[in-house]
N, C-alpha and C. Protein backbone atom coordinates (compact mmCIF):
# COMPACT_ATOMS: atom_id res chain seq x y z
N MET A 1 0.52 -1.27 -0.37
CA MET A 1 0.05 -0.20 0.00
C MET A 1 1.03 0.92 -0.11
N LEU A 2 0.53 2.23 -0.55
CA LEU A 2 1.20 3.61 -1.33
C LEU A 2 0.80 4.29 0.04
N ASP A 3 0.09 4.25 0.74
CA ASP A 3 -0.80 5.59 1.63
C ASP A 3 -0.38 6.90 0.90
N SER A 4 -1.35 6.69 -0.36
CA SER A 4 -1.17 7.81 -1.33
C SER A 4 -2.58 8.70 -1.25
N ALA A 5 -3.48 8.21 -0.38
CA ALA A 5 -4.50 8.68 0.01
C ALA A 5 -4.51 10.46 0.63
N PRO A 6 -5.28 11.26 0.80
CA PRO A 6 -5.46 12.28 1.72
C PRO A 6 -5.24 12.04 3.01
N THR A 7 -3.97 13.22 3.24
CA THR A 7 -3.97 13.00 5.15
C THR A 7 -4.75 13.30 5.67
N ASP A 8 -5.79 14.42 5.25
CA ASP A 8 -6.49 15.20 6.07
C ASP A 8 -7.73 14.50 6.50
N ALA A 9 -8.18 14.48 8.25
CA ALA A 9 -8.82 13.52 8.68
C ALA A 9 -10.45 13.52 7.79
N ARG A 10 -11.01 15.01 7.75
CA ARG A 10 -12.03 14.83 6.96
C ARG A 10 -12.15 14.42 5.38
N ALA A 11 -10.83 14.65 4.49
CA ALA A 11 -10.57 14.48 3.41
C ALA A 11 -10.62 12.61 3.22
N LEU A 12 -9.71 12.09 3.97
CA LEU A 12 -10.22 10.81 4.56
C LEU A 12 -11.07 9.85 5.14
N GLY A 13 -12.27 10.32 5.52
CA GLY A 13 -13.67 10.05 5.73
C GLY A 13 -14.20 10.51 5.13
N LEU A 14 -14.05 11.45 4.43
CA LEU A 14 -14.75 11.26 2.92
C LEU A 14 -14.72 10.05 1.69
N LEU A 15 -13.43 9.75 1.51
CA LEU A 15 -13.46 9.11 0.72
C LEU A 15 -13.78 7.37 1.53
N ALA A 16 -13.44 7.48 2.45
CA ALA A 16 -13.92 6.41 3.16
C ALA A 16 -15.67 5.86 3.25
N LEU A 17 -16.23 7.40 3.10
CA LEU A 17 -17.98 7.08 2.97
C LEU A 17 -17.85 6.79 1.41
N ALA A 18 -17.38 7.41 0.77
CA ALA A 18 -17.75 6.89 -0.81
C ALA A 18 -17.43 5.75 -1.14
N THR A 19 -16.21 5.28 -0.85
CA THR A 19 -15.86 3.67 -0.68
C THR A 19 -16.46 2.86 -0.15
N ALA A 20 -16.75 3.02 1.02
CA ALA A 20 -17.83 2.46 1.90
C ALA A 20 -19.16 1.92 1.01
N VAL A 21 -20.14 3.23 0.54
CA VAL A 21 -21.39 3.34 0.09
C VAL A 21 -21.42 2.50 -1.16
N SER A 22 -19.67 2.58 -1.93
CA SER A 22 -19.99 1.98 -3.22
C SER A 22 -20.66 0.57 -3.68
N ASP A 23 -20.62 0.11 -2.32
CA ASP A 23 -20.79 -1.66 -2.00
C ASP A 23 -22.07 -1.49 -1.95
N GLU A 24 -23.16 -1.70 -2.23
CA GLU A 24 -24.59 -1.70 -1.99
C GLU A 24 -24.97 -2.42 -0.76
N ARG A 25 -24.11 -3.53 -0.51
CA ARG A 25 -24.54 -4.21 0.85
C ARG A 25 -24.38 -3.54 1.59
N ARG A 26 -22.79 -3.09 1.56
CA ARG A 26 -22.20 -2.71 2.85
C ARG A 26 -22.89 -1.14 3.16
N ALA A 27 -23.48 -0.30 1.91
CA ALA A 27 -24.36 0.85 2.06
C ALA A 27 -25.69 0.65 3.17
N ARG A 28 -26.55 -0.44 2.65
CA ARG A 28 -27.68 -0.42 3.13
C ARG A 28 -27.25 -1.35 4.55
N ARG A 29 -26.44 -1.69 5.07
CA ARG A 29 -26.29 -2.28 6.70
C ARG A 29 -25.67 -0.81 7.27
N PHE A 30 -25.26 -0.03 6.53
CA PHE A 30 -24.51 1.10 7.19
C PHE A 30 -25.81 1.98 7.28
N LEU A 31 -26.98 2.61 6.49
CA LEU A 31 -28.21 2.98 6.46
C LEU A 31 -29.02 2.67 7.33
N ASP A 32 -29.05 1.02 7.28
CA ASP A 32 -29.52 0.71 8.71
C ASP A 32 -29.37 0.56 9.72
N LEU A 33 -28.22 0.63 10.03
CA LEU A 33 -28.11 0.64 11.37
C LEU A 33 -28.09 2.20 12.02
N THR A 34 -27.37 3.18 11.25
CA THR A 34 -27.70 4.59 11.36
C THR A 34 -28.81 4.76 11.81
N GLY A 35 -29.84 4.68 11.12
CA GLY A 35 -31.19 4.95 10.75
C GLY A 35 -31.60 6.14 9.69
N ILE A 36 -30.12 6.09 9.02
CA ILE A 36 -30.01 7.33 8.13
C ILE A 36 -30.78 6.93 6.97
N GLY A 37 -31.49 7.91 6.05
CA GLY A 37 -31.37 7.63 4.71
C GLY A 37 -30.39 8.68 4.15
N THR A 38 -31.03 8.18 2.21
CA THR A 38 -29.59 8.20 1.33
C THR A 38 -29.58 10.09 1.43
N ASP A 39 -30.67 10.62 1.52
CA ASP A 39 -31.01 12.14 1.49
C ASP A 39 -30.02 12.95 2.60
N GLU A 40 -30.60 12.49 4.13
CA GLU A 40 -29.57 12.66 5.12
C GLU A 40 -28.08 12.75 5.11
N LEU A 41 -27.71 11.15 4.51
CA LEU A 41 -26.42 10.86 4.24
C LEU A 41 -25.67 11.80 3.07
N ARG A 42 -26.34 12.26 2.30
CA ARG A 42 -25.43 13.50 1.34
C ARG A 42 -25.67 15.02 2.18
N GLU A 43 -26.72 15.05 3.29
CA GLU A 43 -27.06 16.62 3.44
C GLU A 43 -25.73 16.40 4.49
N ARG A 44 -25.21 15.52 4.96
CA ARG A 44 -24.12 15.68 6.31
C ARG A 44 -23.27 14.48 5.68
N ALA A 45 -22.69 14.44 4.54
CA ALA A 45 -21.34 13.91 4.29
C ALA A 45 -20.25 14.47 4.94
N ALA A 46 -20.24 15.95 5.49
CA ALA A 46 -18.80 16.18 5.55
C ALA A 46 -18.93 16.43 7.13
N ASP A 47 -19.85 15.92 7.80
CA ASP A 47 -19.80 16.38 9.26
C ASP A 47 -19.23 15.43 9.81
N PRO A 48 -18.03 16.00 10.79
CA PRO A 48 -17.29 15.42 11.26
C PRO A 48 -17.48 13.83 12.16
N ALA A 49 -19.08 13.96 12.70
CA ALA A 49 -19.42 12.22 13.54
C ALA A 49 -20.31 11.87 12.54
N LEU A 50 -20.68 12.06 11.16
CA LEU A 50 -21.06 11.12 10.49
C LEU A 50 -19.78 10.13 9.99
N LEU A 51 -18.95 10.80 9.54
CA LEU A 51 -17.52 10.35 9.04
C LEU A 51 -16.92 9.56 10.22
N ALA A 52 -17.01 9.86 11.32
CA ALA A 52 -16.84 9.10 12.00
C ALA A 52 -17.23 8.19 12.48
N ALA A 53 -18.52 7.94 12.67
CA ALA A 53 -19.77 6.89 12.39
C ALA A 53 -19.03 5.95 11.66
N LEU A 54 -18.78 6.52 10.58
CA LEU A 54 -18.70 5.33 9.09
C LEU A 54 -17.76 4.50 9.48
N ILE A 55 -16.49 5.11 10.19
CA ILE A 55 -15.17 4.37 10.17
C ILE A 55 -15.40 3.58 11.29
N ARG A 56 -16.04 3.87 12.56
CA ARG A 56 -16.44 3.24 13.76
C ARG A 56 -17.16 1.71 12.95
N PHE A 57 -18.36 1.94 12.05
CA PHE A 57 -19.25 1.09 11.71
C PHE A 57 -17.91 0.23 10.88
N LEU A 58 -17.44 0.79 10.03
CA LEU A 58 -16.27 -0.17 9.39
C LEU A 58 -15.13 -1.21 10.29
N GLU A 59 -14.83 0.03 11.28
CA GLU A 59 -14.02 -1.39 12.66
C GLU A 59 -14.96 -2.39 13.12
N ALA A 60 -16.06 -2.42 13.12
CA ALA A 60 -16.81 -3.29 13.45
C ALA A 60 -16.89 -4.61 13.26
N HIS A 61 -16.48 -4.43 11.97
CA HIS A 61 -16.33 -5.16 10.76
C HIS A 61 -15.07 -5.12 10.49
N GLU A 62 -13.96 -5.89 10.59
CA GLU A 62 -12.53 -6.00 10.23
C GLU A 62 -12.69 -6.04 8.44
N PRO A 63 -13.51 -7.17 8.10
CA PRO A 63 -13.15 -7.19 6.89
C PRO A 63 -13.53 -6.29 5.89
N ASP A 64 -14.80 -5.27 6.03
CA ASP A 64 -15.26 -4.11 5.52
C ASP A 64 -13.46 -3.21 6.20
N LEU A 65 -13.14 -2.72 6.79
CA LEU A 65 -12.29 -1.90 7.17
C LEU A 65 -11.19 -2.37 6.44
N ILE A 66 -10.47 -3.43 6.88
CA ILE A 66 -9.42 -3.88 5.04
C ILE A 66 -10.05 -3.84 3.74
N ASP A 67 -11.46 -3.91 3.58
CA ASP A 67 -11.66 -4.12 2.02
C ASP A 67 -11.47 -1.98 1.47
N VAL A 68 -12.04 -1.58 2.40
CA VAL A 68 -11.89 -0.01 2.84
C VAL A 68 -10.68 0.73 2.20
N ALA A 69 -10.09 -0.08 3.35
CA ALA A 69 -8.73 0.63 3.05
C ALA A 69 -7.93 0.34 2.06
N GLU A 70 -7.89 -1.25 1.65
CA GLU A 70 -6.91 -1.43 0.61
C GLU A 70 -7.40 -0.37 -1.13
N ALA A 71 -9.08 -0.44 -1.02
CA ALA A 71 -9.63 0.19 -2.26
C ALA A 71 -9.19 2.13 -2.07
N MET A 72 -8.81 2.18 -1.03
CA MET A 72 -8.36 4.08 -0.68
C MET A 72 -6.96 3.56 -1.11
N ASP A 73 -6.61 2.34 -0.83
CA ASP A 73 -4.59 2.43 -0.94
C ASP A 73 -4.21 3.03 0.06
N VAL A 74 -4.39 2.72 1.04
CA VAL A 74 -3.85 3.71 2.94
C VAL A 74 -4.22 2.12 3.54
N LYS A 75 -3.38 2.27 4.53
CA LYS A 75 -3.35 1.41 5.70
C LYS A 75 -4.47 1.40 6.65
N PRO A 76 -5.15 0.39 7.10
CA PRO A 76 -6.50 0.29 8.07
C PRO A 76 -6.16 1.60 9.02
N GLU A 77 -4.97 1.24 9.49
CA GLU A 77 -4.49 2.25 11.25
C GLU A 77 -4.85 3.89 10.34
N THR A 78 -4.39 3.91 9.02
CA THR A 78 -4.59 5.35 9.34
C THR A 78 -5.94 5.84 9.08
N LEU A 79 -7.16 4.78 8.38
CA LEU A 79 -8.87 5.33 8.98
C LEU A 79 -8.76 5.70 10.09
N VAL A 80 -8.73 4.09 11.14
CA VAL A 80 -8.42 4.76 12.57
C VAL A 80 -8.05 6.02 13.54
N THR A 81 -6.91 5.99 12.25
CA THR A 81 -6.12 7.50 13.26
C THR A 81 -7.22 9.02 12.47
N ALA A 82 -7.86 8.51 11.60
CA ALA A 82 -8.60 9.73 10.81
C ALA A 82 -10.28 9.69 12.14
N ARG A 83 -10.03 8.66 12.46
CA ARG A 83 -11.93 8.13 12.86
C ARG A 83 -11.77 8.89 14.22
N GLN A 84 -10.07 9.09 14.91
CA GLN A 84 -9.96 9.67 16.03
C GLN A 84 -9.59 11.06 15.92
N GLN A 85 -9.29 11.47 15.13
CA GLN A 85 -9.04 12.91 14.78
C GLN A 85 -10.42 13.48 14.60
N LEU A 86 -11.45 12.76 13.73
CA LEU A 86 -12.61 13.59 13.65
C LEU A 86 -13.70 13.59 14.60
N GLU A 87 -13.44 12.37 15.62
CA GLU A 87 -14.53 12.58 17.12
C GLU A 87 -14.03 13.70 17.68
N GLU A 88 -12.50 14.11 17.54
CA GLU A 88 -11.99 15.21 18.72
C GLU A 88 -12.67 16.44 17.71
N GLU A 89 -13.11 16.34 16.44
CA GLU A 89 -13.82 17.58 16.18
C GLU A 89 -15.29 17.63 16.62
N GLU A 90 -15.77 16.93 17.10
CA GLU A 90 -17.33 16.98 17.37
C GLU A 90 -17.56 17.74 17.92
């Protein structure tokens, strides 16, 4: 992995969100678990709390975390660090 993705926590969170919801099953699970709809997801896409929740969702199922990290060309630890930084912004 090159870790060539952005290093800014919000940018990483947005990229993780886009990558995660590109998988229909994963997107449906996230929406079902959070109770938000697609319109609200679009409206809150840059919200640090939502981005942190998305990364926590990925962390809860390690295969998802690894899949999304690989698709983003980053280490899973990079996403975990981004989540921690996003939580500090909340």
